[in-house]
Amino acid sequence: MSIATIPTKIKFTEDDIDNCWPHYKSYFLEVLNNEYNIERAREDLQSLIGSKYDLRVQGGQS
């Protein structure tokens, strides 16, 4: 098994995960169990940053 290099266009932070993926442990477990592709996870998180699902946009946290 080889590990692919994922091009980084954005550097994610803990704040991004806390505010966009409230159930992030589930996502990480799915990635570790090969049930959720890491490239797809990165794309999904990136698409949530700044969206209506981002708690920072909703005024939930900063």
N, C-alpha and C. Protein backbone atom coordinates (compact mmCIF):
# COMPACT_ATOMS: atom_id res chain seq x y z
N MET A 1 0.85 -1.17 0.00
CA MET A 1 0.00 0.00 0.00
C MET A 1 0.90 1.23 0.00
N SER A 2 0.61 2.15 -0.89
CA SER A 2 1.38 3.39 -0.92
C SER A 2 0.51 4.55 -0.45
N ILE A 3 1.15 5.53 0.08
CA ILE A 3 0.45 6.72 0.57
C ILE A 3 0.60 7.80 -0.48
N ALA A 4 -0.52 8.27 -0.97
CA ALA A 4 -0.51 9.31 -1.99
C ALA A 4 -0.24 10.67 -1.35
N THR A 5 0.44 11.50 -2.08
CA THR A 5 0.66 12.87 -1.64
C THR A 5 -0.54 13.70 -2.04
N ILE A 6 -1.13 14.35 -1.07
CA ILE A 6 -2.31 15.16 -1.32
C ILE A 6 -1.87 16.61 -1.46
N PRO A 7 -2.10 17.22 -2.61
CA PRO A 7 -1.72 18.62 -2.75
C PRO A 7 -2.51 19.49 -1.77
N THR A 8 -1.80 20.37 -1.11
CA THR A 8 -2.43 21.22 -0.11
C THR A 8 -2.69 22.60 -0.68
N LYS A 9 -3.97 22.96 -0.78
CA LYS A 9 -4.34 24.30 -1.20
C LYS A 9 -4.73 25.12 0.01
N ILE A 10 -5.10 24.44 1.07
CA ILE A 10 -5.53 25.12 2.29
C ILE A 10 -4.95 24.35 3.47
N LYS A 11 -4.55 25.08 4.48
CA LYS A 11 -4.06 24.43 5.70
C LYS A 11 -5.21 24.48 6.71
N PHE A 12 -5.68 23.30 7.09
CA PHE A 12 -6.80 23.21 8.01
C PHE A 12 -6.32 23.42 9.45
N THR A 13 -7.21 23.92 10.28
CA THR A 13 -6.90 24.16 11.69
C THR A 13 -7.89 23.42 12.57
N GLU A 14 -7.56 23.31 13.85
CA GLU A 14 -8.49 22.71 14.81
C GLU A 14 -9.79 23.51 14.84
N ASP A 15 -9.68 24.82 14.70
CA ASP A 15 -10.85 25.69 14.69
C ASP A 15 -11.78 25.34 13.53
N ASP A 16 -11.20 25.06 12.35
CA ASP A 16 -12.02 24.66 11.20
C ASP A 16 -12.80 23.39 11.52
N ILE A 17 -12.12 22.42 12.10
CA ILE A 17 -12.78 21.15 12.41
C ILE A 17 -13.85 21.34 13.48
N ASP A 18 -13.53 22.07 14.54
CA ASP A 18 -14.49 22.30 15.62
C ASP A 18 -15.75 23.00 15.12
N ASN A 19 -15.60 23.92 14.19
CA ASN A 19 -16.73 24.73 13.74
C ASN A 19 -17.47 24.17 12.53
N CYS A 20 -16.85 23.26 11.79
CA CYS A 20 -17.48 22.74 10.58
C CYS A 20 -17.84 21.26 10.67
N TRP A 21 -17.16 20.53 11.53
CA TRP A 21 -17.42 19.10 11.69
C TRP A 21 -17.67 18.80 13.16
N PRO A 22 -18.86 19.11 13.67
CA PRO A 22 -19.11 18.91 15.09
C PRO A 22 -18.96 17.46 15.54
N HIS A 23 -19.10 16.52 14.65
CA HIS A 23 -18.94 15.10 14.99
C HIS A 23 -17.67 14.56 14.33
N TYR A 24 -16.59 15.33 14.44
CA TYR A 24 -15.36 15.00 13.71
C TYR A 24 -14.78 13.65 14.05
N LYS A 25 -14.99 13.13 15.25
CA LYS A 25 -14.44 11.81 15.58
C LYS A 25 -14.98 10.75 14.64
N SER A 26 -16.24 10.86 14.30
CA SER A 26 -16.86 9.90 13.37
C SER A 26 -16.17 9.95 12.01
N TYR A 27 -15.90 11.17 11.53
CA TYR A 27 -15.23 11.32 10.23
C TYR A 27 -13.83 10.71 10.27
N PHE A 28 -13.09 10.97 11.34
CA PHE A 28 -11.74 10.44 11.44
C PHE A 28 -11.74 8.92 11.52
N LEU A 29 -12.68 8.36 12.25
CA LEU A 29 -12.79 6.90 12.31
C LEU A 29 -13.10 6.31 10.94
N GLU A 30 -13.98 6.96 10.19
CA GLU A 30 -14.30 6.48 8.85
C GLU A 30 -13.07 6.54 7.95
N VAL A 31 -12.26 7.58 8.07
CA VAL A 31 -11.03 7.67 7.28
C VAL A 31 -10.08 6.55 7.68
N LEU A 32 -9.89 6.35 8.98
CA LEU A 32 -8.98 5.32 9.46
C LEU A 32 -9.43 3.92 9.05
N ASN A 33 -10.73 3.72 8.95
CA ASN A 33 -11.28 2.42 8.58
C ASN A 33 -11.50 2.27 7.08
N ASN A 34 -10.95 3.21 6.30
CA ASN A 34 -11.08 3.20 4.84
C ASN A 34 -12.53 3.21 4.37
N GLU A 35 -13.40 3.85 5.14
CA GLU A 35 -14.79 4.00 4.75
C GLU A 35 -15.04 5.38 4.15
N TYR A 36 -14.08 6.28 4.30
CA TYR A 36 -14.20 7.66 3.83
C TYR A 36 -12.83 8.05 3.29
N ASN A 37 -12.76 8.34 2.02
CA ASN A 37 -11.51 8.66 1.35
C ASN A 37 -10.95 9.98 1.85
N ILE A 38 -9.66 10.02 2.15
CA ILE A 38 -9.03 11.22 2.73
C ILE A 38 -9.13 12.41 1.78
N GLU A 39 -8.99 12.18 0.48
CA GLU A 39 -9.10 13.28 -0.46
C GLU A 39 -10.51 13.86 -0.43
N ARG A 40 -11.50 12.98 -0.34
CA ARG A 40 -12.90 13.42 -0.28
C ARG A 40 -13.15 14.18 1.03
N ALA A 41 -12.58 13.70 2.12
CA ALA A 41 -12.74 14.36 3.41
C ALA A 41 -12.18 15.78 3.36
N ARG A 42 -11.01 15.94 2.74
CA ARG A 42 -10.41 17.26 2.61
C ARG A 42 -11.29 18.18 1.78
N GLU A 43 -11.80 17.66 0.67
CA GLU A 43 -12.69 18.46 -0.19
C GLU A 43 -13.96 18.86 0.56
N ASP A 44 -14.52 17.91 1.30
CA ASP A 44 -15.76 18.18 2.03
C ASP A 44 -15.54 19.25 3.10
N LEU A 45 -14.46 19.12 3.87
CA LEU A 45 -14.19 20.12 4.91
C LEU A 45 -13.94 21.48 4.29
N GLN A 46 -13.15 21.52 3.23
CA GLN A 46 -12.85 22.79 2.58
C GLN A 46 -14.14 23.46 2.09
N SER A 47 -15.08 22.67 1.58
CA SER A 47 -16.32 23.25 1.08
C SER A 47 -17.21 23.78 2.20
N LEU A 48 -17.04 23.28 3.41
CA LEU A 48 -17.86 23.73 4.54
C LEU A 48 -17.34 25.02 5.17
N ILE A 49 -16.05 25.28 5.03
CA ILE A 49 -15.46 26.48 5.63
C ILE A 49 -16.08 27.72 4.98
N GLY A 50 -16.68 28.56 5.80
CA GLY A 50 -17.31 29.77 5.32
C GLY A 50 -18.74 29.59 4.82
N SER A 51 -19.23 28.34 4.85
CA SER A 51 -20.59 28.08 4.37
C SER A 51 -21.59 28.28 5.51
N LYS A 52 -22.86 28.09 5.21
CA LYS A 52 -23.90 28.23 6.23
C LYS A 52 -23.76 27.17 7.33
N TYR A 53 -22.99 26.12 7.09
CA TYR A 53 -22.78 25.07 8.09
C TYR A 53 -21.61 25.36 9.02
N ASP A 54 -20.85 26.40 8.73
CA ASP A 54 -19.72 26.83 9.55
C ASP A 54 -20.27 27.61 10.74
N LEU A 55 -20.06 27.11 11.95
CA LEU A 55 -20.59 27.77 13.14
C LEU A 55 -20.10 29.20 13.29
N ARG A 56 -18.93 29.50 12.75
CA ARG A 56 -18.41 30.87 12.83
C ARG A 56 -19.27 31.81 12.00
N VAL A 57 -19.81 31.33 10.89
CA VAL A 57 -20.70 32.12 10.05
C VAL A 57 -22.05 32.28 10.73
N GLN A 58 -22.47 31.23 11.42
CA GLN A 58 -23.75 31.25 12.12
C GLN A 58 -23.69 32.09 13.39
N GLY A 59 -22.50 32.49 13.80
CA GLY A 59 -22.34 33.26 15.02
C GLY A 59 -22.26 32.38 16.26
N GLY A 60 -22.07 31.07 16.05
CA GLY A 60 -22.01 30.14 17.17
C GLY A 60 -20.72 30.24 17.95
N GLN A 61 -19.60 30.45 17.25
CA GLN A 61 -18.30 30.53 17.90
C GLN A 61 -17.40 31.39 17.02
N SER A 62 -16.27 31.78 17.58
CA SER A 62 -15.30 32.51 16.77
C SER A 62 -13.94 31.91 16.91
